[in-house]
Amino acid sequence: MAAAEFGIMLRQNDPGHTLHELMDFNRRCIEELKAGFTTLWLEDHLQVSETDELECLTTLSYLAAQYPQFKIGSLVLSQSYRNPALLAKMAANLQALTGGRLILGIGAGWKEDEYKAYNFPFPPVKTRMEELEDAIRVLRTMWTVQPATYEGSHYQAHEAYCAPRPDPAIPLLVGGGGEQRTLAIVARHADWWNFNSCTVEEYERKLGILRQHCERIGRDASEITLSYLSTLSVSDDLAKVKRNPNKHFIAGNTEEVIRELEQFRAIGVSHFMFRILDVESLQHFVARVVPHFV
């Protein structure tokens, strides 16, 4: 059975609260983390109306310096928001400065209002998926070849140098459960896969499809680190447990949460990331659930 590690998805915005209040909540959560927690994660969004919003890569750079005991990761970057050759350089630089603590998650992008507000083209999903695969190939080429040249349908690099090259190599995470396009890209390119807010039965079904894609191209699916993101709500006072009828939470009392995580771990999930609703729930999880897995 795969060993389990844990990470938290930091809040990127908090309507009605300032940037300083948002970061104070994130700091309080980070300070609660103990053995078993190895990663800090952030999404890649640019705006929610007038609410203060953390930009992903600059914030991760700050967090990497503030908390050197943790790896940092994007879950996930929109490939459209940054030229992929420049992103390759930024990621390689961050990998060097942090001593190899970056996990780079990338996806096709979806939030149309941000695209329009920031003047990014928002092509159909098929094109965005093609762009994602092009972007991944640019990243890999920039990280492994000096000078790097790549000619794709959407992105290119010409005699580009990305020095220092990442050492160790940067794990590349692709998130999502699209059965025809996304999981095929995971099979071809990803070191990590993330799927979120689903039951263990749905995760296992998607995993079966991912393994089929791997089999078609002759890849060993066990090479891919399996990760899962959900919202956490745990308390032995069930009146405090929060659930969402439209999105699966890891929620319940101590025994229920341990049992569900054991089910995910039994199918190969080795890294769990959690959105935190309140510090009290996180404290309970750290004290009562994590020791079962470390």
C-alpha atoms as a PDB file:
ATOM      1  CA  MET A   1       0.000   0.000   0.000  1.00  0.00           C
ATOM      2  CA  ALA A   2       1.305   3.455  -0.931  1.00  0.00           C
ATOM      3  CA  ALA A   3       2.577   5.684   1.858  1.00  0.00           C
ATOM      4  CA  ALA A   4       0.580   8.859   2.464  1.00  0.00           C
ATOM      5  CA  GLU A   5       1.770  12.454   2.541  1.00  0.00           C
ATOM      6  CA  PHE A   6      -0.320  15.566   2.980  1.00  0.00           C
ATOM      7  CA  GLY A   7      -0.414  19.150   1.805  1.00  0.00           C
ATOM      8  CA  ILE A   8      -2.735  22.133   2.073  1.00  0.00           C
ATOM      9  CA  MET A   9      -4.256  24.294  -0.611  1.00  0.00           C
ATOM     10  CA  LEU A  10      -3.825  27.826   0.666  1.00  0.00           C
ATOM     11  CA  ARG A  11      -6.612  30.337   0.301  1.00  0.00           C
ATOM     12  CA  GLN A  12      -6.100  32.554  -2.717  1.00  0.00           C
ATOM     13  CA  ASN A  13      -8.870  35.010  -1.938  1.00  0.00           C
ATOM     14  CA  ASP A  14     -11.302  35.589   0.900  1.00  0.00           C
ATOM     15  CA  PRO A  15     -14.257  37.858  -0.001  1.00  0.00           C
ATOM     16  CA  GLY A  16     -14.792  40.526   2.622  1.00  0.00           C
ATOM     17  CA  HIS A  17     -11.231  40.255   3.930  1.00  0.00           C
ATOM     18  CA  THR A  18      -8.045  42.081   3.024  1.00  0.00           C
ATOM     19  CA  LEU A  19      -4.858  40.583   1.640  1.00  0.00           C
ATOM     20  CA  HIS A  20      -3.260  40.800   5.090  1.00  0.00           C
ATOM     21  CA  GLU A  21      -6.193  38.991   6.720  1.00  0.00           C
ATOM     22  CA  LEU A  22      -6.030  36.343   3.991  1.00  0.00           C
ATOM     23  CA  MET A  23      -2.329  35.758   4.550  1.00  0.00           C
ATOM     24  CA  ASP A  24      -2.840  35.690   8.316  1.00  0.00           C
ATOM     25  CA  PHE A  25      -5.286  32.790   7.887  1.00  0.00           C
ATOM     26  CA  ASN A  26      -2.821  30.976   5.631  1.00  0.00           C
ATOM     27  CA  ARG A  27       0.006  31.474   8.130  1.00  0.00           C
ATOM     28  CA  ARG A  28      -2.132  30.152  10.979  1.00  0.00           C
ATOM     29  CA  CYS A  29      -2.858  27.020   8.948  1.00  0.00           C
ATOM     30  CA  ILE A  30       0.788  26.484   8.011  1.00  0.00           C
ATOM     31  CA  GLU A  31       1.869  26.857  11.628  1.00  0.00           C
ATOM     32  CA  GLU A  32      -0.434  23.957  12.599  1.00  0.00           C
ATOM     33  CA  LEU A  33       1.263  21.500  10.230  1.00  0.00           C
ATOM     34  CA  LYS A  34       3.411  18.742  11.666  1.00  0.00           C
ATOM     35  CA  ALA A  35       4.960  15.455  10.510  1.00  0.00           C
ATOM     36  CA  GLY A  36       3.223  14.056   7.457  1.00  0.00           C
ATOM     37  CA  PHE A  37       2.662  17.427   5.795  1.00  0.00           C
ATOM     38  CA  THR A  38       5.159  18.092   3.045  1.00  0.00           C
ATOM     39  CA  THR A  39       3.579  20.516   0.544  1.00  0.00           C
ATOM     40  CA  LEU A  40       1.942  23.941   0.150  1.00  0.00           C
ATOM     41  CA  TRP A  41      -0.208  24.559  -2.923  1.00  0.00           C
ATOM     42  CA  LEU A  42      -1.877  27.473  -4.669  1.00  0.00           C
ATOM     43  CA  GLU A  43      -4.295  27.790  -7.551  1.00  0.00           C
ATOM     44  CA  ASP A  44      -3.690  30.050 -10.526  1.00  0.00           C
ATOM     45  CA  HIS A  45      -6.389  32.707 -10.718  1.00  0.00           C
ATOM     46  CA  LEU A  46      -6.180  36.422 -11.313  1.00  0.00           C
ATOM     47  CA  GLN A  47      -9.377  38.029 -10.095  1.00  0.00           C
ATOM     48  CA  VAL A  48     -12.666  37.680  -8.276  1.00  0.00           C
ATOM     49  CA  SER A  49     -14.263  41.082  -8.810  1.00  0.00           C
ATOM     50  CA  GLU A  50     -12.684  43.560  -6.334  1.00  0.00           C
ATOM     51  CA  THR A  51     -11.530  40.899  -3.846  1.00  0.00           C
ATOM     52  CA  ASP A  52      -7.800  40.802  -3.082  1.00  0.00           C
ATOM     53  CA  GLU A  53      -6.351  37.873  -5.032  1.00  0.00           C
ATOM     54  CA  LEU A  54      -2.965  36.163  -4.654  1.00  0.00           C
ATOM     55  CA  GLU A  55      -1.025  35.550  -7.884  1.00  0.00           C
ATOM     56  CA  CYS A  56       0.263  31.998  -7.924  1.00  0.00           C
ATOM     57  CA  LEU A  57       3.960  32.026  -8.822  1.00  0.00           C
ATOM     58  CA  THR A  58       4.998  35.168  -6.954  1.00  0.00           C
ATOM     59  CA  THR A  59       3.193  33.908  -3.847  1.00  0.00           C
ATOM     60  CA  LEU A  60       4.782  30.462  -4.114  1.00  0.00           C
ATOM     61  CA  SER A  61       8.206  32.116  -4.361  1.00  0.00           C
ATOM     62  CA  TYR A  62       7.473  34.036  -1.157  1.00  0.00           C
ATOM     63  CA  LEU A  63       6.202  30.914   0.619  1.00  0.00           C
ATOM     64  CA  ALA A  64       9.231  28.883  -0.456  1.00  0.00           C
ATOM     65  CA  ALA A  65      11.492  31.418   1.259  1.00  0.00           C
ATOM     66  CA  GLN A  66       9.294  31.695   4.357  1.00  0.00           C
ATOM     67  CA  TYR A  67       8.805  27.959   4.863  1.00  0.00           C
ATOM     68  CA  PRO A  68      11.864  26.021   3.657  1.00  0.00           C
ATOM     69  CA  GLN A  69      10.588  22.800   5.274  1.00  0.00           C
ATOM     70  CA  PHE A  70       7.892  22.443   2.588  1.00  0.00           C
ATOM     71  CA  LYS A  71       7.777  21.768  -1.114  1.00  0.00           C
ATOM     72  CA  ILE A  72       5.604  24.204  -3.058  1.00  0.00           C
ATOM     73  CA  GLY A  73       3.287  23.484  -5.959  1.00  0.00           C
ATOM     74  CA  SER A  74       0.812  25.000  -8.405  1.00  0.00           C
ATOM     75  CA  LEU A  75      -2.546  23.253  -8.660  1.00  0.00           C
ATOM     76  CA  VAL A  76      -2.696  24.154 -11.471  1.00  0.00           C
ATOM     77  CA  LEU A  77      -1.244  26.907 -13.662  1.00  0.00           C
ATOM     78  CA  SER A  78      -3.251  28.007 -16.678  1.00  0.00           C
ATOM     79  CA  GLN A  79      -0.995  27.358 -19.664  1.00  0.00           C
ATOM     80  CA  SER A  80      -2.441  30.438 -21.377  1.00  0.00           C
ATOM     81  CA  TYR A  81      -1.318  32.994 -18.795  1.00  0.00           C
ATOM     82  CA  ARG A  82       2.438  32.729 -19.368  1.00  0.00           C
ATOM     83  CA  ASN A  83       4.537  32.070 -22.432  1.00  0.00           C
ATOM     84  CA  PRO A  84       5.698  28.468 -21.816  1.00  0.00           C
ATOM     85  CA  ALA A  85       9.346  29.182 -22.622  1.00  0.00           C
ATOM     86  CA  LEU A  86       9.337  31.981 -20.043  1.00  0.00           C
ATOM     87  CA  LEU A  87       7.495  29.686 -17.605  1.00  0.00           C
ATOM     88  CA  ALA A  88      10.211  27.068 -18.112  1.00  0.00           C
ATOM     89  CA  LYS A  89      12.845  29.638 -17.155  1.00  0.00           C
ATOM     90  CA  MET A  90      10.864  30.878 -14.154  1.00  0.00           C
ATOM     91  CA  ALA A  91      10.314  27.336 -12.896  1.00  0.00           C
ATOM     92  CA  ALA A  92      13.946  26.334 -13.408  1.00  0.00           C
ATOM     93  CA  ASN A  93      15.059  29.425 -11.512  1.00  0.00           C
ATOM     94  CA  LEU A  94      12.676  28.704  -8.648  1.00  0.00           C
ATOM     95  CA  GLN A  95      13.837  25.075  -8.549  1.00  0.00           C
ATOM     96  CA  ALA A  96      17.445  26.210  -8.243  1.00  0.00           C
ATOM     97  CA  LEU A  97      16.751  28.809  -5.556  1.00  0.00           C
ATOM     98  CA  THR A  98      14.643  26.438  -3.443  1.00  0.00           C
ATOM     99  CA  GLY A  99      17.011  23.497  -3.648  1.00  0.00           C
ATOM    100  CA  GLY A 100      14.598  21.392  -5.680  1.00  0.00           C
ATOM    101  CA  ARG A 101      11.295  22.018  -3.885  1.00  0.00           C
ATOM    102  CA  LEU A 102       8.979  22.845  -6.815  1.00  0.00           C
ATOM    103  CA  ILE A 103       6.150  20.705  -8.218  1.00  0.00           C
ATOM    104  CA  LEU A 104       4.792  22.379 -11.338  1.00  0.00           C
ATOM    105  CA  GLY A 105       1.127  21.714 -11.987  1.00  0.00           C
ATOM    106  CA  ILE A 106      -0.320  22.885 -15.294  1.00  0.00           C
ATOM    107  CA  GLY A 107      -3.694  22.689 -16.998  1.00  0.00           C
ATOM    108  CA  ALA A 108      -5.566  23.871 -20.074  1.00  0.00           C
ATOM    109  CA  GLY A 109      -7.258  26.853 -18.375  1.00  0.00           C
ATOM    110  CA  TRP A 110     -10.984  27.434 -18.078  1.00  0.00           C
ATOM    111  CA  LYS A 111     -11.964  30.702 -16.355  1.00  0.00           C
ATOM    112  CA  GLU A 112     -13.253  32.715 -19.286  1.00  0.00           C
ATOM    113  CA  ASP A 113     -13.858  35.968 -17.396  1.00  0.00           C
ATOM    114  CA  GLU A 114     -10.165  36.140 -16.421  1.00  0.00           C
ATOM    115  CA  TYR A 115      -9.085  35.504 -20.000  1.00  0.00           C
ATOM    116  CA  LYS A 116     -11.235  38.355 -21.245  1.00  0.00           C
ATOM    117  CA  ALA A 117     -10.308  40.747 -18.431  1.00  0.00           C
ATOM    118  CA  TYR A 118      -6.579  40.211 -18.954  1.00  0.00           C
ATOM    119  CA  ASN A 119      -6.831  40.153 -22.754  1.00  0.00           C
ATOM    120  CA  PHE A 120      -5.911  36.514 -23.311  1.00  0.00           C
ATOM    121  CA  PRO A 121      -7.526  34.730 -26.260  1.00  0.00           C
ATOM    122  CA  PHE A 122     -10.067  32.132 -25.106  1.00  0.00           C
ATOM    123  CA  PRO A 123     -10.229  29.516 -27.859  1.00  0.00           C
ATOM    124  CA  PRO A 124     -12.417  26.385 -27.770  1.00  0.00           C
ATOM    125  CA  VAL A 125     -11.466  23.634 -25.328  1.00  0.00           C
ATOM    126  CA  LYS A 126      -9.978  21.466 -28.090  1.00  0.00           C
ATOM    127  CA  THR A 127      -7.522  24.257 -28.942  1.00  0.00           C
ATOM    128  CA  ARG A 128      -6.702  24.876 -25.290  1.00  0.00           C
ATOM    129  CA  MET A 129      -5.909  21.191 -24.838  1.00  0.00           C
ATOM    130  CA  GLU A 130      -3.618  21.319 -27.887  1.00  0.00           C
ATOM    131  CA  GLU A 131      -1.961  24.390 -26.377  1.00  0.00           C
ATOM    132  CA  LEU A 132      -1.498  22.529 -23.088  1.00  0.00           C
ATOM    133  CA  GLU A 133       0.333  19.687 -24.789  1.00  0.00           C
ATOM    134  CA  ASP A 134       2.465  22.139 -26.752  1.00  0.00           C
ATOM    135  CA  ALA A 135       3.275  24.013 -23.530  1.00  0.00           C
ATOM    136  CA  ILE A 136       4.342  20.803 -21.788  1.00  0.00           C
ATOM    137  CA  ARG A 137       6.629  19.922 -24.686  1.00  0.00           C
ATOM    138  CA  VAL A 138       8.188  23.383 -24.548  1.00  0.00           C
ATOM    139  CA  LEU A 139       8.808  22.956 -20.811  1.00  0.00           C
ATOM    140  CA  ARG A 140      10.410  19.542 -21.227  1.00  0.00           C
ATOM    141  CA  THR A 141      12.567  20.716 -24.117  1.00  0.00           C
ATOM    142  CA  MET A 142      13.730  23.853 -22.308  1.00  0.00           C
ATOM    143  CA  TRP A 143      14.619  21.826 -19.218  1.00  0.00           C
ATOM    144  CA  THR A 144      16.626  19.148 -21.025  1.00  0.00           C
ATOM    145  CA  VAL A 145      18.219  20.593 -24.189  1.00  0.00           C
ATOM    146  CA  GLN A 146      20.691  23.493 -24.553  1.00  0.00           C
ATOM    147  CA  PRO A 147      19.934  25.427 -26.699  1.00  0.00           C
ATOM    148  CA  ALA A 148      16.284  24.420 -26.973  1.00  0.00           C
ATOM    149  CA  THR A 149      14.242  24.530 -30.155  1.00  0.00           C
ATOM    150  CA  TYR A 150      10.644  23.390 -30.383  1.00  0.00           C
ATOM    151  CA  GLU A 151       8.196  24.004 -33.219  1.00  0.00           C
ATOM    152  CA  GLY A 152       4.613  23.371 -32.159  1.00  0.00           C
ATOM    153  CA  SER A 153       1.279  24.341 -33.626  1.00  0.00           C
ATOM    154  CA  HIS A 154       0.697  26.938 -30.920  1.00  0.00           C
ATOM    155  CA  TYR A 155       3.981  27.538 -29.074  1.00  0.00           C
ATOM    156  CA  GLN A 156       7.594  27.616 -30.195  1.00  0.00           C
ATOM    157  CA  ALA A 157      11.071  28.151 -28.797  1.00  0.00           C
ATOM    158  CA  HIS A 158      14.129  28.928 -30.943  1.00  0.00           C
ATOM    159  CA  GLU A 159      17.718  28.357 -29.788  1.00  0.00           C
ATOM    160  CA  ALA A 160      16.644  29.206 -26.227  1.00  0.00           C
ATOM    161  CA  TYR A 161      18.853  28.706 -23.183  1.00  0.00           C
ATOM    162  CA  CYS A 162      17.343  27.801 -19.817  1.00  0.00           C
ATOM    163  CA  ALA A 163      20.298  27.804 -17.476  1.00  0.00           C
ATOM    164  CA  PRO A 164      20.684  26.534 -14.895  1.00  0.00           C
ATOM    165  CA  ARG A 165      18.708  23.530 -15.975  1.00  0.00           C
ATOM    166  CA  PRO A 166      16.528  22.032 -13.218  1.00  0.00           C
ATOM    167  CA  ASP A 167      18.440  19.680 -10.961  1.00  0.00           C
ATOM    168  CA  PRO A 168      16.698  17.662  -9.694  1.00  0.00           C
ATOM    169  CA  ALA A 169      14.142  17.506 -12.500  1.00  0.00           C
ATOM    170  CA  ILE A 170      10.906  19.376 -11.812  1.00  0.00           C
ATOM    171  CA  PRO A 171       7.955  16.992 -11.356  1.00  0.00           C
ATOM    172  CA  LEU A 172       5.206  17.947 -13.792  1.00  0.00           C
ATOM    173  CA  LEU A 173       1.638  17.558 -12.534  1.00  0.00           C
ATOM    174  CA  VAL A 174      -1.399  17.572 -14.814  1.00  0.00           C
ATOM    175  CA  GLY A 175      -4.821  17.904 -13.224  1.00  0.00           C
ATOM    176  CA  GLY A 176      -8.244  16.905 -14.458  1.00  0.00           C
ATOM    177  CA  GLY A 177     -10.400  13.978 -15.412  1.00  0.00           C
ATOM    178  CA  GLY A 178     -11.317  14.514 -19.059  1.00  0.00           C
ATOM    179  CA  GLU A 179     -11.368  10.951 -20.296  1.00  0.00           C
ATOM    180  CA  GLN A 180     -10.391  11.434 -23.945  1.00  0.00           C
ATOM    181  CA  ARG A 181      -7.999  14.393 -23.914  1.00  0.00           C
ATOM    182  CA  THR A 182      -6.791  15.202 -20.391  1.00  0.00           C
ATOM    183  CA  LEU A 183      -6.046  11.664 -19.220  1.00  0.00           C
ATOM    184  CA  ALA A 184      -4.295  10.920 -22.523  1.00  0.00           C
ATOM    185  CA  ILE A 185      -2.027  13.937 -21.910  1.00  0.00           C
ATOM    186  CA  VAL A 186      -1.392  12.714 -18.350  1.00  0.00           C
ATOM    187  CA  ALA A 187      -0.383   9.326 -19.726  1.00  0.00           C
ATOM    188  CA  ARG A 188       1.997  10.851 -22.272  1.00  0.00           C
ATOM    189  CA  HIS A 189       3.621  13.560 -20.175  1.00  0.00           C
ATOM    190  CA  ALA A 190       2.816  13.790 -16.458  1.00  0.00           C
ATOM    191  CA  ASP A 191       4.887  12.774 -13.445  1.00  0.00           C
ATOM    192  CA  TRP A 192       1.899  13.444 -11.155  1.00  0.00           C
ATOM    193  CA  TRP A 193      -1.859  13.284 -11.722  1.00  0.00           C
ATOM    194  CA  ASN A 194      -4.442  15.101  -9.635  1.00  0.00           C
ATOM    195  CA  PHE A 195      -8.195  14.653  -9.574  1.00  0.00           C
ATOM    196  CA  ASN A 196     -10.381  16.377  -7.042  1.00  0.00           C
ATOM    197  CA  SER A 197     -13.559  16.487  -4.998  1.00  0.00           C
ATOM    198  CA  CYS A 198     -14.849  13.051  -5.975  1.00  0.00           C
ATOM    199  CA  THR A 199     -15.631   9.783  -4.240  1.00  0.00           C
ATOM    200  CA  VAL A 200     -13.090   6.993  -4.165  1.00  0.00           C
ATOM    201  CA  GLU A 201     -15.258   5.043  -6.612  1.00  0.00           C
ATOM    202  CA  GLU A 202     -15.148   7.853  -9.184  1.00  0.00           C
ATOM    203  CA  TYR A 203     -11.409   8.340  -8.708  1.00  0.00           C
ATOM    204  CA  GLU A 204     -10.832   4.623  -9.245  1.00  0.00           C
ATOM    205  CA  ARG A 205     -12.936   4.696 -12.427  1.00  0.00           C
ATOM    206  CA  LYS A 206     -10.900   7.604 -13.827  1.00  0.00           C
ATOM    207  CA  LEU A 207      -7.695   5.851 -12.791  1.00  0.00           C
ATOM    208  CA  GLY A 208      -8.750   2.821 -14.808  1.00  0.00           C
ATOM    209  CA  ILE A 209      -9.119   5.013 -17.891  1.00  0.00           C
ATOM    210  CA  LEU A 210      -5.722   6.607 -17.247  1.00  0.00           C
ATOM    211  CA  ARG A 211      -4.175   3.141 -17.069  1.00  0.00           C
ATOM    212  CA  GLN A 212      -5.780   2.254 -20.413  1.00  0.00           C
ATOM    213  CA  HIS A 213      -4.173   5.331 -21.987  1.00  0.00           C
ATOM    214  CA  CYS A 214      -0.825   4.329 -20.482  1.00  0.00           C
ATOM    215  CA  GLU A 215      -1.171   0.783 -21.809  1.00  0.00           C
ATOM    216  CA  ARG A 216      -1.842   2.057 -25.342  1.00  0.00           C
ATOM    217  CA  ILE A 217       1.443   3.947 -25.429  1.00  0.00           C
ATOM    218  CA  GLY A 218       3.489   1.370 -23.530  1.00  0.00           C
ATOM    219  CA  ARG A 219       3.957   3.413 -20.368  1.00  0.00           C
ATOM    220  CA  ASP A 220       4.011   1.930 -16.886  1.00  0.00           C
ATOM    221  CA  ALA A 221       1.150   3.725 -15.075  1.00  0.00           C
ATOM    222  CA  SER A 222       2.894   3.172 -11.734  1.00  0.00           C
ATOM    223  CA  GLU A 223       5.427   5.839 -12.779  1.00  0.00           C
ATOM    224  CA  ILE A 224       2.729   8.480 -12.188  1.00  0.00           C
ATOM    225  CA  THR A 225       2.269   9.802  -8.647  1.00  0.00           C
ATOM    226  CA  LEU A 226      -1.439   9.817  -7.788  1.00  0.00           C
ATOM    227  CA  SER A 227      -2.743  12.786  -5.813  1.00  0.00           C
ATOM    228  CA  TYR A 228      -6.167  13.900  -4.630  1.00  0.00           C
ATOM    229  CA  LEU A 229      -7.513  17.330  -3.674  1.00  0.00           C
ATOM    230  CA  SER A 230     -10.602  17.870  -1.560  1.00  0.00           C
ATOM    231  CA  THR A 231     -12.089  20.140   1.084  1.00  0.00           C
ATOM    232  CA  LEU A 232     -11.502  18.970   4.654  1.00  0.00           C
ATOM    233  CA  SER A 233     -14.020  19.030   7.481  1.00  0.00           C
ATOM    234  CA  VAL A 234     -13.405  16.718  10.410  1.00  0.00           C
ATOM    235  CA  SER A 235     -14.686  16.815  13.977  1.00  0.00           C
ATOM    236  CA  ASP A 236     -16.005  14.345  16.508  1.00  0.00           C
ATOM    237  CA  ASP A 237     -18.785  16.878  17.074  1.00  0.00           C
ATOM    238  CA  LEU A 238     -20.813  16.096  13.967  1.00  0.00           C
ATOM    239  CA  ALA A 239     -22.676  19.395  14.277  1.00  0.00           C
ATOM    240  CA  LYS A 240     -19.415  21.072  13.214  1.00  0.00           C
ATOM    241  CA  VAL A 241     -18.836  18.886  10.157  1.00  0.00           C
ATOM    242  CA  LYS A 242     -19.540  20.671   6.885  1.00  0.00           C
ATOM    243  CA  ARG A 243     -20.579  18.904   3.692  1.00  0.00           C
ATOM    244  CA  ASN A 244     -21.512  20.077   0.221  1.00  0.00           C
ATOM    245  CA  PRO A 245     -24.297  18.370  -1.751  1.00  0.00           C
ATOM    246  CA  ASN A 246     -22.655  19.343  -5.045  1.00  0.00           C
ATOM    247  CA  LYS A 247     -19.012  18.559  -4.296  1.00  0.00           C
ATOM    248  CA  HIS A 248     -17.463  15.685  -2.374  1.00  0.00           C
ATOM    249  CA  PHE A 249     -15.684  16.711   0.843  1.00  0.00           C
ATOM    250  CA  ILE A 250     -13.433  14.577   3.018  1.00  0.00           C
ATOM    251  CA  ALA A 251     -15.771  15.020   5.944  1.00  0.00           C
ATOM    252  CA  GLY A 252     -16.941  13.261   9.078  1.00  0.00           C
ATOM    253  CA  ASN A 253     -15.632  12.169  12.432  1.00  0.00           C
ATOM    254  CA  THR A 254     -12.108  10.868  12.975  1.00  0.00           C
ATOM    255  CA  GLU A 255     -12.925   7.255  12.127  1.00  0.00           C
ATOM    256  CA  GLU A 256     -14.915   8.150   8.993  1.00  0.00           C
ATOM    257  CA  VAL A 257     -12.126  10.318   7.608  1.00  0.00           C
ATOM    258  CA  ILE A 258      -9.435   7.710   8.349  1.00  0.00           C
ATOM    259  CA  ARG A 259     -11.533   5.034   6.660  1.00  0.00           C
ATOM    260  CA  GLU A 260     -12.080   7.092   3.507  1.00  0.00           C
ATOM    261  CA  LEU A 261      -8.413   8.058   3.222  1.00  0.00           C
ATOM    262  CA  GLU A 262      -7.458   4.404   3.657  1.00  0.00           C
ATOM    263  CA  GLN A 263      -9.722   3.585   0.694  1.00  0.00           C
ATOM    264  CA  PHE A 264      -7.969   6.175  -1.472  1.00  0.00           C
ATOM    265  CA  ARG A 265      -4.587   4.956  -0.320  1.00  0.00           C
ATOM    266  CA  ALA A 266      -5.540   1.346  -1.142  1.00  0.00           C
ATOM    267  CA  ILE A 267      -6.004   2.262  -4.825  1.00  0.00           C
ATOM    268  CA  GLY A 268      -2.637   4.010  -4.965  1.00  0.00           C
ATOM    269  CA  VAL A 269      -3.181   7.629  -3.952  1.00  0.00           C
ATOM    270  CA  SER A 270      -0.072   8.742  -2.114  1.00  0.00           C
ATOM    271  CA  HIS A 271      -0.530  12.494  -1.751  1.00  0.00           C
ATOM    272  CA  PHE A 272      -3.577  14.299  -0.375  1.00  0.00           C
ATOM    273  CA  MET A 273      -4.128  18.058  -0.617  1.00  0.00           C
ATOM    274  CA  PHE A 274      -6.863  19.793   1.374  1.00  0.00           C
ATOM    275  CA  ARG A 275      -8.702  23.072   1.245  1.00  0.00           C
ATOM    276  CA  ILE A 276      -9.098  24.290   4.813  1.00  0.00           C
ATOM    277  CA  LEU A 277     -12.428  25.720   5.973  1.00  0.00           C
ATOM    278  CA  ASP A 278     -11.371  26.496   9.537  1.00  0.00           C
ATOM    279  CA  VAL A 279      -8.288  26.126  11.695  1.00  0.00           C
ATOM    280  CA  GLU A 280     -10.095  24.013  14.301  1.00  0.00           C
ATOM    281  CA  SER A 281     -10.844  21.284  11.762  1.00  0.00           C
ATOM    282  CA  LEU A 282      -7.225  21.324  10.592  1.00  0.00           C
ATOM    283  CA  GLN A 283      -6.004  21.029  14.185  1.00  0.00           C
ATOM    284  CA  HIS A 284      -8.229  17.995  14.705  1.00  0.00           C
ATOM    285  CA  PHE A 285      -6.978  16.393  11.483  1.00  0.00           C
ATOM    286  CA  VAL A 286      -3.319  16.970  12.426  1.00  0.00           C
ATOM    287  CA  ALA A 287      -3.786  15.593  15.927  1.00  0.00           C
ATOM    288  CA  ARG A 288      -6.165  12.684  15.334  1.00  0.00           C
ATOM    289  CA  VAL A 289      -5.982  11.568  11.693  1.00  0.00           C
ATOM    290  CA  VAL A 290      -2.462  12.165  10.389  1.00  0.00           C
ATOM    291  CA  PRO A 291      -0.720   9.979  13.039  1.00  0.00           C
ATOM    292  CA  HIS A 292      -2.599   6.991  11.589  1.00  0.00           C
ATOM    293  CA  PHE A 293      -0.742   7.468   8.276  1.00  0.00           C
ATOM    294  CA  VAL A 294       2.786   8.442   9.312  1.00  0.00           C
END
